[in-house]
Amino acid sequence: MKLWPRSLLWRSVALIALLLIVAHFAWLQIFRFSEREPRAQQIAQQIVSVINLTRAALITAQPGKRLGLLADISQREGIQVHLGEPNEEVAPLPDLPVVKLIETELQQRLGPDTRFATSRNGIPGVWVSFRIDDDEYWVALPRARLERVEPLRWIGWGILVLALALAGAFLIVSRINRPLRELTRAAEQTGKGSAVAPVAETGPVELQTLARAFNQMTADLKRQEDERALLLAGVSHDLRTPLARIRLGLEMLEDKEDAALKPGMIQDIEDIDAAISQFLDFARTSETETTAPAADLNALVSGVAERRRLAGAKLTLDLGPVPPLQLRTLAIQRLITNLIENAVRHGGGDVRIATGAAADRAFVEVLDRGPGIPPEQAERMLQPFTRLDHARGGAGTGLGLAIVERIARAHGGSIKLTPRHGGGLKARVEIPLDA
């Protein structure tokens, strides 16, 4: 389990939060160090005032009235004054910087023989001694008089300020991240081969420059794609016209000496025409094709398979339940046709087509019993004009699987070429259910 966030937004917020927390505690420590000495002096001044007033009251009071005076001070001010006793148990002060400062300040003002304790004879409190002649007295001050008032309230205010700062940091980073999210979405659509509207060139100068460069890149890619498609379509169209005339001439050929060459020449023409069709399919963009909001994948597979059966192919269908999908039906039909033709051409007579849905994806599998594709060559076979060595002498252009990969990617899916159990090839196309 990784606690560190993956997105730029939350990483930025986490870093800013860490910076604010460190800064908050740093200022807290600075405040503690800076107010230590003034606070010690203030507490010492309070104790000195109480000691001096108590001593003055005891000195000026008549001996017979001192007990009454001590009782009155205890009742009105919460200050207890006790006469020192021999062999009394006194707990020393804690070894804290503030306490040391207070002790030093009191000894400077009250004298070096002044004693301090946190409890006397088991009675807790802030105990400070003073002398009148040869008698030692102890003054017990309530801790509430000397401790900081409502420390939790200041901690609460600090937490509130920190929370407000973090909320502000989140809003600021989220606003800065908004153009990056738009660029990410546009980049994903461009990677799938879809046309995207230009992203807004707003925000800081760096983000404006990035958005402008991205818009220029997508415009250049679109222009190059259109030029390539136009070139292939024009060449293919210009080639088909003379091919049609050649075939017409062959059909009208009556010379018996050339009759033996006629079937082979017609087959060559059909192969060239099929290659031209592949070029057109590869050049064709599916963005302008109609998208069906609830297409039946099984119906599309059945339709293509039936046409191939009429052409003599032997196919086995294993169609599982597939929910309606948002598909470009003509493009999916080309995908299925290319998979089946590839399997029939190289896989012999055992071709099986399966469909279904697993997790959040629908799939189409075409399995054959051909020579298969080595696993290390699977990714390379999805590139245009790529063919295995044993297939180079046969018909085909090496574009079939490349067309399948492009159509699958345009739907947010993918194609995997893996060995079939028992020999052969399994071509599996997966498409997200929310494609």
Protein backbone atom coordinates (compact mmCIF):
# COMPACT_ATOMS: atom_id res chain seq x y z
CA MET A 1 0.00 0.00 0.00
CA LYS A 2 1.48 3.32 -1.10
CA LEU A 3 0.56 6.29 1.08
CA TRP A 4 2.18 8.82 -1.25
CA PRO A 5 -0.49 10.13 -3.71
CA ARG A 6 -0.02 9.56 -7.43
CA SER A 7 -1.77 12.61 -8.88
CA LEU A 8 -0.01 15.97 -9.22
CA LEU A 9 -2.90 17.72 -7.45
CA TRP A 10 -2.70 15.66 -4.27
CA ARG A 11 1.09 15.54 -4.31
CA SER A 12 1.18 19.34 -4.45
CA VAL A 13 -1.40 19.60 -1.67
CA ALA A 14 0.54 17.07 0.43
CA LEU A 15 3.80 18.97 -0.03
CA ILE A 16 2.18 22.31 0.79
CA ALA A 17 0.48 20.72 3.82
CA LEU A 18 3.80 19.33 5.00
CA LEU A 19 5.43 22.75 4.53
CA LEU A 20 2.63 24.48 6.46
CA ILE A 21 2.77 21.96 9.30
CA VAL A 22 6.55 22.28 9.60
CA ALA A 23 6.29 26.08 9.47
CA HIS A 24 3.49 26.01 12.06
CA PHE A 25 5.52 23.95 14.52
CA ALA A 26 8.63 26.01 13.78
CA TRP A 27 6.79 29.21 14.70
CA LEU A 28 5.41 27.48 17.79
CA GLN A 29 8.93 26.61 18.92
CA ILE A 30 10.16 30.13 18.14
CA PHE A 31 7.28 31.53 20.20
CA ARG A 32 8.08 29.19 23.09
CA PHE A 33 11.76 30.16 23.12
CA SER A 34 11.09 33.88 22.70
CA GLU A 35 8.46 34.10 25.46
CA ARG A 36 10.32 31.84 27.94
CA GLU A 37 12.32 34.59 29.62
CA PRO A 38 9.51 37.23 29.75
CA ARG A 39 7.15 34.59 31.12
CA ALA A 40 9.68 33.55 33.79
CA GLN A 41 10.15 37.19 34.81
CA GLN A 42 6.38 37.72 35.01
CA ILE A 43 5.85 34.65 37.20
CA ALA A 44 8.80 35.60 39.38
CA GLN A 45 7.40 39.11 39.79
CA GLN A 46 4.05 37.72 40.92
CA ILE A 47 5.73 35.45 43.48
CA VAL A 48 8.00 38.24 44.74
CA SER A 49 4.99 40.55 45.17
CA VAL A 50 3.10 37.90 47.14
CA ILE A 51 6.14 37.13 49.33
CA ASN A 52 6.89 40.79 50.05
CA LEU A 53 3.27 41.62 50.87
CA THR A 54 2.95 38.57 53.09
CA ARG A 55 6.24 39.34 54.90
CA ALA A 56 5.23 42.97 55.39
CA ALA A 57 1.84 41.94 56.75
CA LEU A 58 3.37 39.48 59.19
CA ILE A 59 6.03 41.96 60.38
CA THR A 60 3.58 44.79 60.99
CA ALA A 61 0.90 42.60 62.57
CA GLN A 62 0.76 42.08 66.30
CA PRO A 63 2.04 38.65 67.34
CA GLY A 64 -1.33 37.64 68.74
CA LYS A 65 -3.12 38.48 65.52
CA ARG A 66 -0.76 36.76 63.06
CA LEU A 67 -2.69 33.48 63.00
CA GLY A 68 -5.90 35.32 62.17
CA LEU A 69 -4.09 37.29 59.48
CA LEU A 70 -2.74 34.08 57.90
CA ALA A 71 -6.22 32.52 57.93
CA ASP A 72 -7.68 35.65 56.31
CA ILE A 73 -5.01 35.61 53.54
CA SER A 74 -5.68 31.95 52.88
CA GLN A 75 -9.44 32.47 52.70
CA ARG A 76 -9.41 35.60 50.56
CA GLU A 77 -6.40 35.06 48.26
CA GLY A 78 -5.97 31.27 48.28
CA ILE A 79 -2.44 31.77 49.62
CA GLN A 80 -1.34 29.54 52.46
CA VAL A 81 1.49 30.57 54.79
CA HIS A 82 3.03 27.96 57.09
CA LEU A 83 5.79 28.15 59.65
CA GLY A 84 8.75 26.03 58.74
CA GLU A 85 9.33 22.79 60.64
CA PRO A 86 12.48 20.79 61.24
CA ASN A 87 12.98 17.63 59.17
CA GLU A 88 10.16 18.48 56.78
CA GLU A 89 9.90 16.63 53.44
CA VAL A 90 10.40 18.94 50.47
CA ALA A 91 10.19 17.82 46.77
CA PRO A 92 12.65 19.67 44.49
CA LEU A 93 11.58 21.62 41.41
CA PRO A 94 11.58 19.89 37.99
CA ASP A 95 14.60 20.41 35.76
CA LEU A 96 12.89 22.60 33.15
CA PRO A 97 14.32 25.73 31.44
CA VAL A 98 11.45 27.98 32.51
CA VAL A 99 11.61 26.73 36.10
CA LYS A 100 15.36 27.33 36.19
CA LEU A 101 14.87 30.89 35.01
CA ILE A 102 12.19 31.51 37.64
CA GLU A 103 14.38 30.04 40.38
CA THR A 104 17.33 32.23 39.39
CA GLU A 105 15.16 35.35 39.23
CA LEU A 106 13.63 34.69 42.68
CA GLN A 107 17.00 34.07 44.32
CA GLN A 108 18.26 37.35 42.91
CA ARG A 109 15.28 39.26 44.34
CA LEU A 110 14.58 37.39 47.57
CA GLY A 111 18.05 36.23 48.50
CA PRO A 112 20.22 33.17 47.93
CA ASP A 113 18.76 31.27 50.91
CA THR A 114 15.29 31.17 49.32
CA ARG A 115 14.06 27.61 48.85
CA PHE A 116 11.52 26.20 46.35
CA ALA A 117 9.46 23.02 46.22
CA THR A 118 6.60 21.38 44.32
CA SER A 119 5.29 19.71 47.48
CA ARG A 120 5.87 20.03 51.24
CA ASN A 121 5.09 17.24 53.61
CA GLY A 122 3.07 15.58 50.85
CA ILE A 123 0.96 18.69 50.06
CA PRO A 124 1.38 19.66 46.40
CA GLY A 125 1.66 23.26 45.27
CA VAL A 126 4.17 25.97 44.44
CA TRP A 127 6.07 26.44 47.70
CA VAL A 128 8.48 29.36 48.25
CA SER A 129 10.26 30.11 51.55
CA PHE A 130 11.18 33.42 53.16
CA ARG A 131 12.62 34.43 56.52
CA ILE A 132 11.65 36.84 59.23
CA ASP A 133 14.53 37.03 61.63
CA ASP A 134 15.37 33.43 62.49
CA ASP A 135 11.99 31.98 61.54
CA GLU A 136 11.40 30.36 58.13
CA TYR A 137 7.98 30.59 56.52
CA TRP A 138 6.57 28.79 53.51
CA VAL A 139 4.09 30.34 51.09
CA ALA A 140 1.98 27.92 49.01
CA LEU A 141 0.63 29.52 45.81
CA PRO A 142 -2.12 27.91 43.70
CA ARG A 143 -0.75 26.56 40.39
CA ALA A 144 -3.59 28.20 38.45
CA ARG A 145 -2.12 31.61 39.22
CA LEU A 146 1.17 30.78 37.56
CA GLU A 147 0.26 28.45 34.68
CA ARG A 148 -0.68 29.66 31.19
CA VAL A 149 -4.41 30.25 30.92
CA GLU A 150 -6.37 27.96 28.55
CA PRO A 151 -3.46 26.49 26.56
CA LEU A 152 -5.85 24.21 24.66
CA ARG A 153 -7.69 27.23 23.30
CA TRP A 154 -4.51 28.47 21.62
CA ILE A 155 -3.83 24.99 20.22
CA GLY A 156 -7.36 24.91 18.82
CA TRP A 157 -6.90 28.29 17.14
CA GLY A 158 -3.61 27.09 15.67
CA ILE A 159 -5.27 23.96 14.24
CA LEU A 160 -8.08 26.09 12.78
CA VAL A 161 -5.62 28.44 11.08
CA LEU A 162 -3.69 25.44 9.72
CA ALA A 163 -6.90 23.86 8.36
CA LEU A 164 -7.89 27.12 6.64
CA ALA A 165 -4.42 27.39 5.10
CA LEU A 166 -4.64 23.82 3.80
CA ALA A 167 -8.09 24.46 2.31
CA GLY A 168 -6.75 27.57 0.58
CA ALA A 169 -3.75 25.61 -0.71
CA PHE A 170 -6.06 22.95 -2.14
CA LEU A 171 -8.16 25.54 -3.96
CA ILE A 172 -5.08 27.26 -5.40
CA VAL A 173 -3.43 24.02 -6.57
CA SER A 174 -6.72 22.73 -7.97
CA ARG A 175 -7.13 25.92 -10.01
CA ILE A 176 -3.57 25.62 -11.33
CA ASN A 177 -4.12 21.93 -12.10
CA ARG A 178 -7.29 22.51 -14.13
CA PRO A 179 -5.49 23.28 -17.44
CA LEU A 180 -3.28 20.22 -16.87
CA ARG A 181 -6.37 18.03 -16.53
CA GLU A 182 -7.70 19.41 -19.81
CA LEU A 183 -4.35 18.72 -21.49
CA THR A 184 -4.34 15.16 -20.10
CA ARG A 185 -7.86 14.50 -21.40
CA ALA A 186 -6.97 15.92 -24.82
CA ALA A 187 -3.74 13.88 -24.94
CA GLU A 188 -5.65 10.67 -24.16
CA GLN A 189 -8.15 11.39 -26.95
CA THR A 190 -5.31 12.17 -29.36
CA GLY A 191 -3.60 8.90 -28.42
CA LYS A 192 -6.79 7.02 -29.31
CA GLY A 193 -6.81 8.67 -32.73
CA SER A 194 -9.81 10.91 -32.03
CA ALA A 195 -10.01 14.53 -33.08
CA VAL A 196 -10.03 16.95 -30.14
CA ALA A 197 -10.97 20.59 -29.90
CA PRO A 198 -8.09 22.98 -29.11
CA VAL A 199 -7.51 23.34 -25.39
CA ALA A 200 -7.92 26.76 -23.82
CA GLU A 201 -4.65 28.70 -23.67
CA THR A 202 -5.23 30.19 -20.23
CA GLY A 203 -3.47 30.23 -16.89
CA PRO A 204 0.17 31.05 -16.09
CA VAL A 205 2.60 31.78 -18.93
CA GLU A 206 4.15 28.30 -18.70
CA LEU A 207 0.75 26.58 -19.03
CA GLN A 208 -0.23 28.90 -21.89
CA THR A 209 2.97 27.97 -23.73
CA LEU A 210 2.33 24.26 -23.12
CA ALA A 211 -1.28 24.50 -24.32
CA ARG A 212 -0.22 26.46 -27.41
CA ALA A 213 2.45 23.85 -28.24
CA PHE A 214 -0.06 21.03 -27.73
CA ASN A 215 -2.63 22.69 -29.99
CA GLN A 216 0.03 23.18 -32.67
CA MET A 217 1.09 19.54 -32.34
CA THR A 218 -2.46 18.19 -32.69
CA ALA A 219 -3.07 20.48 -35.70
CA ASP A 220 0.13 19.22 -37.36
CA LEU A 221 -0.79 15.59 -36.65
CA LYS A 222 -4.27 16.12 -38.08
CA ARG A 223 -2.89 17.74 -41.21
CA GLN A 224 -0.34 14.96 -41.72
CA GLU A 225 -3.02 12.29 -41.19
CA ASP A 226 -5.34 13.96 -43.69
CA GLU A 227 -2.54 14.30 -46.25
CA ARG A 228 -1.53 10.65 -45.80
CA ALA A 229 -5.12 9.44 -46.13
CA LEU A 230 -5.65 11.62 -49.21
CA LEU A 231 -2.44 10.32 -50.79
CA LEU A 232 -3.29 6.65 -50.18
CA ALA A 233 -6.86 7.10 -51.32
CA GLY A 234 -5.77 8.92 -54.49
CA VAL A 235 -3.14 6.33 -55.37
CA SER A 236 -5.52 3.47 -54.67
CA HIS A 237 -8.23 5.04 -56.81
CA ASP A 238 -5.83 5.68 -59.67
CA LEU A 239 -4.58 2.08 -59.51
CA ARG A 240 -8.02 0.53 -59.53
CA THR A 241 -9.03 2.15 -62.80
CA PRO A 242 -6.31 0.50 -64.94
CA LEU A 243 -6.78 -2.75 -63.00
CA ALA A 244 -10.44 -2.79 -63.98
CA ARG A 245 -9.51 -2.27 -67.65
CA ILE A 246 -6.89 -5.04 -67.49
CA ARG A 247 -9.39 -7.46 -65.99
CA LEU A 248 -11.97 -6.54 -68.60
CA GLY A 249 -9.39 -7.19 -71.28
CA LEU A 250 -8.57 -10.57 -69.79
CA GLU A 251 -12.22 -11.54 -69.71
CA MET A 252 -12.51 -10.70 -73.42
CA LEU A 253 -9.33 -12.58 -74.29
CA GLU A 254 -10.12 -15.50 -76.66
CA ASP A 255 -6.64 -16.64 -77.66
CA LYS A 256 -6.39 -20.29 -76.65
CA GLU A 257 -2.62 -20.08 -76.24
CA ASP A 258 -3.01 -17.44 -73.52
CA ALA A 259 -6.04 -19.08 -71.89
CA ALA A 260 -3.79 -20.97 -69.43
CA LEU A 261 -2.35 -17.70 -68.14
CA LYS A 262 -5.75 -16.12 -67.66
CA PRO A 263 -6.70 -17.58 -64.19
CA GLY A 264 -3.34 -16.66 -62.69
CA MET A 265 -3.50 -13.12 -64.04
CA ILE A 266 -7.05 -12.71 -62.72
CA GLN A 267 -5.90 -13.94 -59.30
CA ASP A 268 -3.02 -11.44 -59.36
CA ILE A 269 -5.48 -8.67 -60.14
CA GLU A 270 -7.73 -9.75 -57.26
CA ASP A 271 -4.73 -9.81 -54.90
CA ILE A 272 -3.74 -6.32 -55.99
CA ASP A 273 -7.33 -5.13 -55.53
CA ALA A 274 -7.43 -6.70 -52.04
CA ALA A 275 -4.16 -4.97 -51.20
CA ILE A 276 -5.60 -1.65 -52.34
CA SER A 277 -8.64 -2.28 -50.11
CA GLN A 278 -6.28 -2.82 -47.18
CA PHE A 279 -4.50 0.45 -47.95
CA LEU A 280 -7.85 2.24 -47.99
CA ASP A 281 -8.92 0.65 -44.71
CA PHE A 282 -5.65 1.64 -43.07
CA ALA A 283 -5.92 5.20 -44.38
CA ARG A 284 -9.60 5.54 -43.52
CA THR A 285 -10.33 7.37 -40.27
CA SER A 286 -13.28 6.12 -38.24
CA GLU A 287 -14.02 9.49 -36.63
CA THR A 288 -16.52 10.47 -39.30
CA GLU A 289 -18.37 7.12 -39.09
CA THR A 290 -21.68 6.88 -37.28
CA THR A 291 -21.50 5.71 -33.69
CA ALA A 292 -24.26 3.39 -32.51
CA PRO A 293 -25.13 4.14 -28.86
CA ALA A 294 -26.25 0.54 -28.15
CA ALA A 295 -24.60 -1.75 -30.70
CA ASP A 296 -24.92 -5.54 -30.50
CA LEU A 297 -21.40 -6.97 -30.73
CA ASN A 298 -22.66 -10.52 -31.20
CA ALA A 299 -24.86 -9.44 -34.14
CA LEU A 300 -21.87 -7.78 -35.80
CA VAL A 301 -19.73 -10.91 -35.34
CA SER A 302 -22.52 -13.15 -36.66
CA GLY A 303 -23.03 -10.96 -39.73
CA VAL A 304 -19.36 -10.95 -40.68
CA ALA A 305 -19.02 -14.69 -39.99
CA GLU A 306 -22.04 -15.49 -42.17
CA ARG A 307 -20.56 -13.59 -45.11
CA ARG A 308 -17.29 -15.47 -44.69
CA ARG A 309 -19.16 -18.79 -44.55
CA LEU A 310 -20.84 -17.98 -47.82
CA ALA A 311 -17.37 -17.45 -49.26
CA GLY A 312 -16.38 -20.94 -48.15
CA ALA A 313 -14.74 -20.37 -44.75
CA LYS A 314 -15.33 -22.89 -41.97
CA LEU A 315 -16.02 -21.04 -38.74
CA THR A 316 -17.21 -22.03 -35.26
CA LEU A 317 -19.03 -19.43 -33.17
CA ASP A 318 -19.10 -19.37 -29.38
CA LEU A 319 -21.00 -16.19 -28.53
CA GLY A 320 -21.40 -15.26 -24.88
CA PRO A 321 -23.61 -12.57 -23.34
CA VAL A 322 -22.36 -9.05 -24.11
CA PRO A 323 -24.19 -5.88 -22.99
CA PRO A 324 -24.96 -3.18 -25.56
CA LEU A 325 -21.89 -1.10 -26.44
CA GLN A 326 -21.26 2.31 -27.94
CA LEU A 327 -19.42 1.34 -31.13
CA ARG A 328 -18.58 2.56 -34.61
CA THR A 329 -20.19 -0.40 -36.28
CA LEU A 330 -18.46 -0.15 -39.68
CA ALA A 331 -15.05 0.03 -38.01
CA ILE A 332 -15.83 -2.96 -35.76
CA GLN A 333 -16.97 -4.94 -38.82
CA ARG A 334 -13.61 -4.20 -40.48
CA LEU A 335 -11.86 -5.30 -37.28
CA ILE A 336 -13.72 -8.62 -37.17
CA THR A 337 -13.25 -9.19 -40.92
CA ASN A 338 -9.49 -8.68 -40.69
CA LEU A 339 -9.19 -11.05 -37.72
CA ILE A 340 -11.18 -13.76 -39.50
CA GLU A 341 -9.34 -13.36 -42.81
CA ASN A 342 -6.00 -13.50 -41.02
CA ALA A 343 -7.07 -16.70 -39.23
CA VAL A 344 -8.48 -18.32 -42.38
CA ARG A 345 -5.39 -17.44 -44.43
CA HIS A 346 -2.86 -18.75 -41.91
CA GLY A 347 -4.86 -21.02 -39.60
CA GLY A 348 -6.19 -23.80 -41.77
CA GLY A 349 -9.72 -25.06 -41.24
CA ASP A 350 -10.15 -24.82 -37.45
CA VAL A 351 -11.16 -21.20 -36.79
CA ARG A 352 -13.17 -20.42 -33.66
CA ILE A 353 -14.74 -17.05 -32.78
CA ALA A 354 -15.74 -16.32 -29.19
CA THR A 355 -17.27 -13.27 -27.50
CA GLY A 356 -18.14 -12.37 -23.94
CA ALA A 357 -17.70 -9.84 -21.14
CA ALA A 358 -15.37 -10.00 -18.18
CA ALA A 359 -15.09 -7.38 -15.44
CA ASP A 360 -15.55 -4.02 -17.18
CA ARG A 361 -14.56 -5.14 -20.69
CA ALA A 362 -16.13 -6.95 -23.63
CA PHE A 363 -13.94 -9.18 -25.78
CA VAL A 364 -13.76 -10.84 -29.17
CA GLU A 365 -11.42 -13.81 -29.65
CA VAL A 366 -10.46 -15.40 -32.94
CA LEU A 367 -8.52 -18.67 -32.56
CA ASP A 368 -6.84 -20.69 -35.30
CA ARG A 369 -4.53 -23.71 -35.67
CA GLY A 370 -1.90 -22.06 -37.81
CA PRO A 371 1.83 -21.72 -37.14
CA GLY A 372 1.14 -18.97 -34.61
CA ILE A 373 3.31 -15.99 -33.69
CA PRO A 374 6.31 -16.20 -31.33
CA PRO A 375 5.56 -14.24 -28.13
CA GLU A 376 8.59 -12.00 -28.68
CA GLN A 377 7.19 -11.02 -32.12
CA ALA A 378 3.62 -10.28 -30.96
CA GLU A 379 4.06 -6.52 -30.42
CA ARG A 380 5.99 -6.10 -33.68
CA MET A 381 3.19 -7.80 -35.66
CA LEU A 382 0.84 -4.94 -34.75
CA GLN A 383 3.00 -2.47 -36.68
CA PRO A 384 2.04 -1.60 -40.29
CA PHE A 385 3.60 -3.62 -43.15
CA THR A 386 5.00 -6.23 -40.74
CA ARG A 387 4.88 -9.93 -41.64
CA LEU A 388 6.59 -13.05 -40.39
CA ASP A 389 9.24 -14.64 -42.57
CA HIS A 390 7.15 -17.71 -43.42
CA ALA A 391 4.27 -15.47 -44.60
CA ARG A 392 6.28 -13.10 -46.78
CA GLY A 393 5.76 -15.13 -49.89
CA GLY A 394 1.98 -15.26 -49.65
CA ALA A 395 -0.76 -12.76 -50.33
CA GLY A 396 -1.33 -9.83 -47.99
CA THR A 397 0.10 -6.46 -47.16
CA GLY A 398 0.92 -6.75 -43.47
CA LEU A 399 -1.77 -4.20 -42.59
CA GLY A 400 -4.53 -6.44 -41.24
CA LEU A 401 -3.46 -6.56 -37.60
CA ALA A 402 -2.34 -2.91 -37.71
CA ILE A 403 -5.88 -1.94 -38.79
CA VAL A 404 -7.31 -4.06 -35.96
CA GLU A 405 -5.01 -2.41 -33.43
CA ARG A 406 -5.91 1.09 -34.64
CA ILE A 407 -9.68 0.44 -34.47
CA ALA A 408 -9.40 -1.16 -31.01
CA ARG A 409 -7.34 1.78 -29.73
CA ALA A 410 -9.89 4.24 -31.14
CA HIS A 411 -12.49 2.53 -28.92
CA GLY A 412 -10.22 2.68 -25.87
CA GLY A 413 -9.39 -1.02 -26.18
CA SER A 414 -6.44 -3.21 -27.08
CA ILE A 415 -5.45 -6.40 -28.91
CA LYS A 416 -3.35 -9.25 -27.54
CA LEU A 417 -1.72 -11.98 -29.63
CA THR A 418 -0.98 -15.09 -27.58
CA PRO A 419 -0.34 -18.78 -28.37
CA ARG A 420 -3.45 -20.97 -28.46
CA HIS A 421 -3.51 -24.01 -26.22
CA GLY A 422 -2.69 -27.00 -28.39
CA GLY A 423 -1.06 -24.90 -31.12
CA GLY A 424 -2.07 -21.90 -33.16
CA LEU A 425 -2.82 -18.26 -32.41
CA LYS A 426 -5.36 -16.51 -30.20
CA ALA A 427 -6.12 -12.90 -31.16
CA ARG A 428 -8.13 -11.24 -28.37
CA VAL A 429 -9.58 -7.73 -28.69
CA GLU A 430 -10.88 -6.11 -25.50
CA ILE A 431 -13.11 -3.01 -25.50
CA PRO A 432 -14.24 -1.18 -22.33
CA LEU A 433 -17.96 -1.45 -21.65
CA ASP A 434 -18.08 2.36 -21.39
CA ALA A 435 -16.14 2.88 -24.64
